[in-house]
């Protein structure tokens, strides 16, 4: 590595990897449902009272976005010079 010192790996950890997997899987499922059922049925499935695949996919999108955000947060050092 050039420049020496510590290599900055901002956002490259298991939080962002898992978040990206959740987002990709949710998008695949939603696109599949849109192709099979059409936008009218998918929107009906999203707003009805039953637990459906579309609602689980929407939850997966939210969870994936949360995990990606957790991967990009700054990690404050817990121990070190000047911290107590």
Protein backbone atom coordinates (compact mmCIF):
# COMPACT_ATOMS: atom_id res chain seq x y z
CA UNK A 1 0.00 0.00 0.00
CA UNK A 2 1.33 3.40 -0.85
CA UNK A 3 1.62 6.21 1.63
CA UNK A 4 2.13 3.97 4.66
CA UNK A 5 0.07 4.49 7.75
CA UNK A 6 -3.36 3.12 8.37
CA UNK A 7 -5.45 2.06 5.39
CA UNK A 8 -8.89 3.69 5.52
CA UNK A 9 -11.58 1.09 4.96
CA UNK A 10 -14.59 3.36 5.44
CA UNK A 11 -17.77 1.36 4.93
CA UNK A 12 -16.07 -1.92 4.16
CA UNK A 13 -17.18 -4.15 6.99
CA UNK A 14 -19.75 -6.85 7.58
CA UNK A 15 -22.53 -4.32 8.31
CA UNK A 16 -22.40 -2.92 4.81
CA UNK A 17 -21.99 -6.38 3.27
CA UNK A 18 -25.06 -7.76 5.05
CA UNK A 19 -27.00 -4.57 4.32
CA UNK A 20 -26.16 -4.78 0.64
CA UNK A 21 -27.27 -8.42 0.53
CA UNK A 22 -30.60 -7.55 2.16
CA UNK A 23 -31.20 -4.67 -0.27
CA UNK A 24 -30.30 -6.78 -3.31
CA UNK A 25 -32.53 -9.68 -2.24
CA UNK A 26 -35.46 -7.37 -1.49
CA UNK A 27 -35.11 -5.70 -4.89
CA UNK A 28 -35.01 -9.06 -6.66
CA UNK A 29 -38.18 -10.20 -4.90
CA UNK A 30 -40.03 -6.94 -5.55
CA UNK A 31 -39.08 -6.92 -9.24
CA UNK A 32 -40.15 -10.54 -9.55
CA UNK A 33 -43.51 -9.79 -7.94
CA UNK A 34 -44.00 -6.76 -10.18
CA UNK A 35 -43.33 -8.88 -13.27
CA UNK A 36 -45.64 -11.69 -12.16
CA UNK A 37 -48.54 -9.75 -10.65
CA UNK A 38 -48.23 -6.22 -11.99
CA UNK A 39 -48.07 -2.91 -10.11
CA UNK A 40 -51.77 -2.82 -9.15
CA UNK A 41 -51.71 -6.14 -7.30
CA UNK A 42 -48.35 -5.45 -5.68
CA UNK A 43 -49.59 -2.10 -4.34
CA UNK A 44 -52.72 -3.86 -3.03
CA UNK A 45 -50.53 -6.49 -1.34
CA UNK A 46 -48.48 -3.72 0.29
CA UNK A 47 -51.48 -1.96 1.88
CA UNK A 48 -53.74 -4.85 2.91
CA UNK A 49 -53.89 -6.19 6.49
CA UNK A 50 -52.22 -9.55 5.81
CA UNK A 51 -48.50 -10.29 6.11
CA UNK A 52 -47.34 -10.70 2.52
CA UNK A 53 -44.09 -11.23 0.68
CA UNK A 54 -44.11 -7.60 -0.47
CA UNK A 55 -44.26 -6.33 3.13
CA UNK A 56 -41.39 -8.60 4.11
CA UNK A 57 -39.40 -7.24 1.15
CA UNK A 58 -40.14 -3.66 2.22
CA UNK A 59 -38.91 -4.54 5.71
CA UNK A 60 -35.78 -6.10 4.19
CA UNK A 61 -35.12 -2.86 2.31
CA UNK A 62 -35.43 -0.87 5.53
CA UNK A 63 -33.22 -3.27 7.48
CA UNK A 64 -30.64 -3.30 4.70
CA UNK A 65 -30.53 0.50 4.62
CA UNK A 66 -30.12 0.53 8.41
CA UNK A 67 -27.25 -1.96 8.23
CA UNK A 68 -25.51 0.07 5.51
CA UNK A 69 -25.90 3.20 7.63
CA UNK A 70 -24.41 1.34 10.59
CA UNK A 71 -21.46 0.35 8.41
CA UNK A 72 -20.74 3.97 7.50
CA UNK A 73 -20.99 5.43 11.00
CA UNK A 74 -17.84 6.69 12.64
CA UNK A 75 -16.38 4.42 15.27
CA UNK A 76 -15.09 6.45 18.21
CA UNK A 77 -12.07 4.88 19.90
CA UNK A 78 -12.99 3.41 23.27
CA UNK A 79 -9.43 3.53 24.61
CA UNK A 80 -6.44 5.54 23.68
CA UNK A 81 -4.50 8.65 24.51
CA UNK A 82 -6.71 11.38 25.91
CA UNK A 83 -9.90 9.28 26.20
CA UNK A 84 -11.26 8.22 29.53
